[in-house]
Amino acid sequence: VCVKDILEAQKKAKVILTRDRDQFLPLETRAWIANSKDADLFVSIHANAHPDGSVSGVETYYLDNTTDRAAMRVAALENAAPEKKGDDLSRILTDLRLNVNAVESNDLAQTMQRAVVEKVRQGGYGGTRNLGAKGSLFYVLIGAHMPSILVEVAFLTNPYEEKMLA
């Protein structure tokens, strides 16, 4: 069962997937799909990684400037995909959209963070750490014309969380 099935079964949302199998899709294409479908929200779901295998937890990001070193590390890892990064005009337009969607994206990130942590804990993983919702510069969120977030559901590099994901 995937998130799409759960939401549609509850008649909570019409869900459009950017992909339905494990295949590479450039980051800007993901936001483009959401924009072309005139989506109300853009939610990017990921599994996290860290060089230290003991790091664990759930965290949610919204597009924002940050000085948080951990948030910058995660964004740098995600942003390392080998696609074109856009031109200056695109960056200016993105900055304008960021200001328009910043409050809604932050609210969505806070709400999603609480809900995911609660559901994971209710699912038998009571020790799941809440790493919070925070702003960062994730490239996958930059092109979205609507409130957008990136959810890191667990750390693949943590043996306990890897089993949980499986």
C-alpha atoms as a PDB file:
ATOM      1  CA  VAL A   1       0.000   0.000   0.000  1.00  0.00           C
ATOM      2  CA  CYS A   2       1.394   3.391  -0.960  1.00  0.00           C
ATOM      3  CA  VAL A   3       0.570   6.928   0.173  1.00  0.00           C
ATOM      4  CA  LYS A   4      -1.407   7.503  -3.030  1.00  0.00           C
ATOM      5  CA  ASP A   5      -3.692   4.525  -2.311  1.00  0.00           C
ATOM      6  CA  ILE A   6      -4.282   5.620   1.288  1.00  0.00           C
ATOM      7  CA  LEU A   7      -5.188   9.205   0.360  1.00  0.00           C
ATOM      8  CA  GLU A   8      -7.419   8.214  -2.526  1.00  0.00           C
ATOM      9  CA  ALA A   9      -9.190   5.515  -0.475  1.00  0.00           C
ATOM     10  CA  GLN A  10     -10.007   8.144   2.154  1.00  0.00           C
ATOM     11  CA  LYS A  11     -11.139  10.498  -0.614  1.00  0.00           C
ATOM     12  CA  LYS A  12      -8.757  13.078   0.867  1.00  0.00           C
ATOM     13  CA  ALA A  13      -6.991  14.027  -2.338  1.00  0.00           C
ATOM     14  CA  LYS A  14      -6.470  13.356  -6.000  1.00  0.00           C
ATOM     15  CA  VAL A  15      -2.852  12.220  -6.169  1.00  0.00           C
ATOM     16  CA  ILE A  16      -0.566  12.595  -9.164  1.00  0.00           C
ATOM     17  CA  LEU A  17       2.728  10.708  -8.940  1.00  0.00           C
ATOM     18  CA  THR A  18       5.842  11.985 -10.654  1.00  0.00           C
ATOM     19  CA  ARG A  19       6.890   8.341 -10.913  1.00  0.00           C
ATOM     20  CA  ASP A  20       5.506   4.989  -9.815  1.00  0.00           C
ATOM     21  CA  ARG A  21       8.676   2.903  -9.882  1.00  0.00           C
ATOM     22  CA  ASP A  22      12.348   3.320  -9.026  1.00  0.00           C
ATOM     23  CA  GLN A  23      13.633   5.236 -12.025  1.00  0.00           C
ATOM     24  CA  PHE A  24      15.674   8.406 -12.327  1.00  0.00           C
ATOM     25  CA  LEU A  25      13.718  11.570 -13.027  1.00  0.00           C
ATOM     26  CA  PRO A  26      15.507  14.939 -13.017  1.00  0.00           C
ATOM     27  CA  LEU A  27      14.647  17.109 -10.015  1.00  0.00           C
ATOM     28  CA  GLU A  28      13.279  20.010 -12.081  1.00  0.00           C
ATOM     29  CA  THR A  29      11.049  17.590 -14.008  1.00  0.00           C
ATOM     30  CA  ARG A  30       9.334  16.527 -10.786  1.00  0.00           C
ATOM     31  CA  ALA A  31       8.237  20.091  -9.978  1.00  0.00           C
ATOM     32  CA  TRP A  32       7.365  20.667 -13.651  1.00  0.00           C
ATOM     33  CA  ILE A  33       4.914  17.737 -13.507  1.00  0.00           C
ATOM     34  CA  ALA A  34       3.217  19.248 -10.447  1.00  0.00           C
ATOM     35  CA  ASN A  35       3.075  22.657 -12.138  1.00  0.00           C
ATOM     36  CA  SER A  36       1.696  21.261 -15.399  1.00  0.00           C
ATOM     37  CA  LYS A  37      -1.100  19.482 -13.502  1.00  0.00           C
ATOM     38  CA  ASP A  38      -1.883  22.675 -11.547  1.00  0.00           C
ATOM     39  CA  ALA A  39      -1.339  20.820  -8.267  1.00  0.00           C
ATOM     40  CA  ASP A  40      -2.343  22.425  -4.978  1.00  0.00           C
ATOM     41  CA  LEU A  41       0.618  20.889  -3.085  1.00  0.00           C
ATOM     42  CA  PHE A  42       3.940  19.268  -3.930  1.00  0.00           C
ATOM     43  CA  VAL A  43       5.203  16.598  -1.524  1.00  0.00           C
ATOM     44  CA  SER A  44       8.502  14.875  -2.267  1.00  0.00           C
ATOM     45  CA  ILE A  45       9.032  11.705  -0.194  1.00  0.00           C
ATOM     46  CA  HIS A  46      12.581  10.474   0.390  1.00  0.00           C
ATOM     47  CA  ALA A  47      14.627   8.096   2.526  1.00  0.00           C
ATOM     48  CA  ASN A  48      17.534   9.868   4.213  1.00  0.00           C
ATOM     49  CA  ALA A  49      21.202   8.860   4.595  1.00  0.00           C
ATOM     50  CA  HIS A  50      24.059   9.862   6.883  1.00  0.00           C
ATOM     51  CA  PRO A  51      27.710   8.782   7.200  1.00  0.00           C
ATOM     52  CA  ASP A  52      27.028   7.930  10.861  1.00  0.00           C
ATOM     53  CA  GLY A  53      24.804   4.830  10.883  1.00  0.00           C
ATOM     54  CA  SER A  54      23.429   5.664  14.320  1.00  0.00           C
ATOM     55  CA  VAL A  55      21.656   8.816  13.091  1.00  0.00           C
ATOM     56  CA  SER A  56      17.906   8.261  12.899  1.00  0.00           C
ATOM     57  CA  GLY A  57      14.576  10.000  12.701  1.00  0.00           C
ATOM     58  CA  VAL A  58      12.031  11.780  10.557  1.00  0.00           C
ATOM     59  CA  GLU A  59      12.473  15.308   9.234  1.00  0.00           C
ATOM     60  CA  THR A  60      10.538  17.514   6.848  1.00  0.00           C
ATOM     61  CA  TYR A  61      11.860  20.432   4.819  1.00  0.00           C
ATOM     62  CA  TYR A  62      10.320  23.435   3.141  1.00  0.00           C
ATOM     63  CA  LEU A  63      12.132  25.755   0.757  1.00  0.00           C
ATOM     64  CA  ASP A  64      13.941  28.510   2.643  1.00  0.00           C
ATOM     65  CA  ASN A  65      17.374  29.969   3.183  1.00  0.00           C
ATOM     66  CA  THR A  66      19.129  28.374   6.119  1.00  0.00           C
ATOM     67  CA  THR A  67      22.282  28.473   8.169  1.00  0.00           C
ATOM     68  CA  ASP A  68      21.584  25.089   9.796  1.00  0.00           C
ATOM     69  CA  ARG A  69      24.590  22.900   8.941  1.00  0.00           C
ATOM     70  CA  ALA A  70      22.645  19.612   9.062  1.00  0.00           C
ATOM     71  CA  ALA A  71      19.912  20.962   6.781  1.00  0.00           C
ATOM     72  CA  MET A  72      22.542  22.242   4.342  1.00  0.00           C
ATOM     73  CA  ARG A  73      24.272  18.807   4.358  1.00  0.00           C
ATOM     74  CA  VAL A  74      21.037  16.982   3.486  1.00  0.00           C
ATOM     75  CA  ALA A  75      20.174  19.523   0.782  1.00  0.00           C
ATOM     76  CA  ALA A  76      23.670  19.266  -0.722  1.00  0.00           C
ATOM     77  CA  LEU A  77      23.299  15.483  -0.917  1.00  0.00           C
ATOM     78  CA  GLU A  78      19.867  15.707  -2.576  1.00  0.00           C
ATOM     79  CA  ASN A  79      20.944  18.507  -4.914  1.00  0.00           C
ATOM     80  CA  ALA A  80      23.943  16.567  -6.239  1.00  0.00           C
ATOM     81  CA  ALA A  81      21.899  15.061  -9.092  1.00  0.00           C
ATOM     82  CA  PRO A  82      23.605  15.662 -12.458  1.00  0.00           C
ATOM     83  CA  GLU A  83      20.982  17.814 -14.175  1.00  0.00           C
ATOM     84  CA  LYS A  84      21.063  21.399 -15.393  1.00  0.00           C
ATOM     85  CA  LYS A  85      20.420  23.935 -12.632  1.00  0.00           C
ATOM     86  CA  GLY A  86      18.550  26.653 -14.590  1.00  0.00           C
ATOM     87  CA  ASP A  87      19.318  30.233 -15.558  1.00  0.00           C
ATOM     88  CA  ASP A  88      19.282  33.557 -13.696  1.00  0.00           C
ATOM     89  CA  LEU A  89      15.724  34.478 -14.741  1.00  0.00           C
ATOM     90  CA  SER A  90      14.448  31.154 -13.434  1.00  0.00           C
ATOM     91  CA  ARG A  91      16.176  31.796 -10.115  1.00  0.00           C
ATOM     92  CA  ILE A  92      14.623  35.259  -9.826  1.00  0.00           C
ATOM     93  CA  LEU A  93      11.140  33.931 -10.566  1.00  0.00           C
ATOM     94  CA  THR A  94      11.694  31.134  -8.070  1.00  0.00           C
ATOM     95  CA  ASP A  95      12.672  33.664  -5.424  1.00  0.00           C
ATOM     96  CA  LEU A  96       9.418  35.526  -5.990  1.00  0.00           C
ATOM     97  CA  ARG A  97       7.383  32.279  -5.750  1.00  0.00           C
ATOM     98  CA  LEU A  98       9.310  31.293  -2.633  1.00  0.00           C
ATOM     99  CA  ASN A  99       8.125  34.440  -0.881  1.00  0.00           C
ATOM    100  CA  VAL A 100       4.509  33.793  -1.911  1.00  0.00           C
ATOM    101  CA  ASN A 101       4.497  30.135  -0.777  1.00  0.00           C
ATOM    102  CA  ALA A 102       6.849  30.351   2.223  1.00  0.00           C
ATOM    103  CA  VAL A 103       4.226  30.559   4.973  1.00  0.00           C
ATOM    104  CA  GLU A 104       2.036  27.838   3.469  1.00  0.00           C
ATOM    105  CA  SER A 105       5.046  25.565   2.878  1.00  0.00           C
ATOM    106  CA  ASN A 106       6.239  26.058   6.467  1.00  0.00           C
ATOM    107  CA  ASP A 107       2.745  25.283   7.819  1.00  0.00           C
ATOM    108  CA  LEU A 108       2.495  22.202   5.595  1.00  0.00           C
ATOM    109  CA  ALA A 109       5.937  21.010   6.741  1.00  0.00           C
ATOM    110  CA  GLN A 110       5.044  21.424  10.426  1.00  0.00           C
ATOM    111  CA  THR A 111       1.731  19.565   9.971  1.00  0.00           C
ATOM    112  CA  MET A 112       3.284  16.766   7.905  1.00  0.00           C
ATOM    113  CA  GLN A 113       6.166  16.328  10.347  1.00  0.00           C
ATOM    114  CA  ARG A 114       3.814  15.866  13.314  1.00  0.00           C
ATOM    115  CA  ALA A 115       1.567  13.475  11.368  1.00  0.00           C
ATOM    116  CA  VAL A 116       4.373  11.270  10.009  1.00  0.00           C
ATOM    117  CA  VAL A 117       6.123  10.955  13.377  1.00  0.00           C
ATOM    118  CA  GLU A 118       2.821  10.129  15.093  1.00  0.00           C
ATOM    119  CA  LYS A 119       1.894   7.467  12.502  1.00  0.00           C
ATOM    120  CA  VAL A 120       5.339   5.851  12.569  1.00  0.00           C
ATOM    121  CA  ARG A 121       5.263   5.706  16.371  1.00  0.00           C
ATOM    122  CA  GLN A 122       1.729   4.264  16.339  1.00  0.00           C
ATOM    123  CA  GLY A 123       2.942   1.669  13.839  1.00  0.00           C
ATOM    124  CA  GLY A 124       5.200   0.078  16.423  1.00  0.00           C
ATOM    125  CA  TYR A 125       8.277   2.263  16.150  1.00  0.00           C
ATOM    126  CA  GLY A 126       7.776   4.284  19.349  1.00  0.00           C
ATOM    127  CA  GLY A 127      11.411   5.323  19.588  1.00  0.00           C
ATOM    128  CA  THR A 128      11.318   7.231  16.302  1.00  0.00           C
ATOM    129  CA  ARG A 129      13.080  10.574  16.709  1.00  0.00           C
ATOM    130  CA  ASN A 130      11.315  13.763  15.662  1.00  0.00           C
ATOM    131  CA  LEU A 131      14.032  15.795  13.937  1.00  0.00           C
ATOM    132  CA  GLY A 132      11.582  18.593  13.186  1.00  0.00           C
ATOM    133  CA  ALA A 133      10.513  20.670  10.223  1.00  0.00           C
ATOM    134  CA  LYS A 134      13.027  23.138   8.867  1.00  0.00           C
ATOM    135  CA  GLY A 135      13.869  25.318   5.922  1.00  0.00           C
ATOM    136  CA  SER A 136      16.555  24.419   3.427  1.00  0.00           C
ATOM    137  CA  LEU A 137      17.478  24.881  -0.226  1.00  0.00           C
ATOM    138  CA  PHE A 138      16.348  21.654  -1.889  1.00  0.00           C
ATOM    139  CA  TYR A 139      16.528  21.920  -5.656  1.00  0.00           C
ATOM    140  CA  VAL A 140      13.507  19.622  -6.110  1.00  0.00           C
ATOM    141  CA  LEU A 141      11.347  22.241  -4.334  1.00  0.00           C
ATOM    142  CA  ILE A 142      12.684  25.300  -6.151  1.00  0.00           C
ATOM    143  CA  GLY A 143      10.577  25.061  -9.316  1.00  0.00           C
ATOM    144  CA  ALA A 144       7.261  24.275  -7.626  1.00  0.00           C
ATOM    145  CA  HIS A 145       4.615  26.987  -8.072  1.00  0.00           C
ATOM    146  CA  MET A 146       2.654  25.768  -5.060  1.00  0.00           C
ATOM    147  CA  PRO A 147       3.406  25.110  -1.375  1.00  0.00           C
ATOM    148  CA  SER A 148       5.990  22.333  -1.375  1.00  0.00           C
ATOM    149  CA  ILE A 149       7.832  20.095   1.080  1.00  0.00           C
ATOM    150  CA  LEU A 150      10.326  17.263   1.161  1.00  0.00           C
ATOM    151  CA  VAL A 151       9.777  14.518   3.761  1.00  0.00           C
ATOM    152  CA  GLU A 152      12.730  12.381   4.869  1.00  0.00           C
ATOM    153  CA  VAL A 153      10.879   9.389   6.352  1.00  0.00           C
ATOM    154  CA  ALA A 154      13.845   7.488   7.818  1.00  0.00           C
ATOM    155  CA  PHE A 155      17.578   6.856   7.398  1.00  0.00           C
ATOM    156  CA  LEU A 156      18.517   3.985   5.079  1.00  0.00           C
ATOM    157  CA  THR A 157      21.966   4.071   6.679  1.00  0.00           C
ATOM    158  CA  ASN A 158      20.526   3.235  10.126  1.00  0.00           C
ATOM    159  CA  PRO A 159      20.077  -0.579  10.454  1.00  0.00           C
ATOM    160  CA  TYR A 160      16.916  -0.262  12.601  1.00  0.00           C
ATOM    161  CA  GLU A 161      15.260   2.217  10.244  1.00  0.00           C
ATOM    162  CA  GLU A 162      16.336   0.251   7.175  1.00  0.00           C
ATOM    163  CA  LYS A 163      14.391  -2.727   8.575  1.00  0.00           C
ATOM    164  CA  MET A 164      11.441  -0.450   9.344  1.00  0.00           C
ATOM    165  CA  LEU A 165      11.375   0.768   5.746  1.00  0.00           C
ATOM    166  CA  ALA A 166      11.586  -2.772   4.409  1.00  0.00           C
END
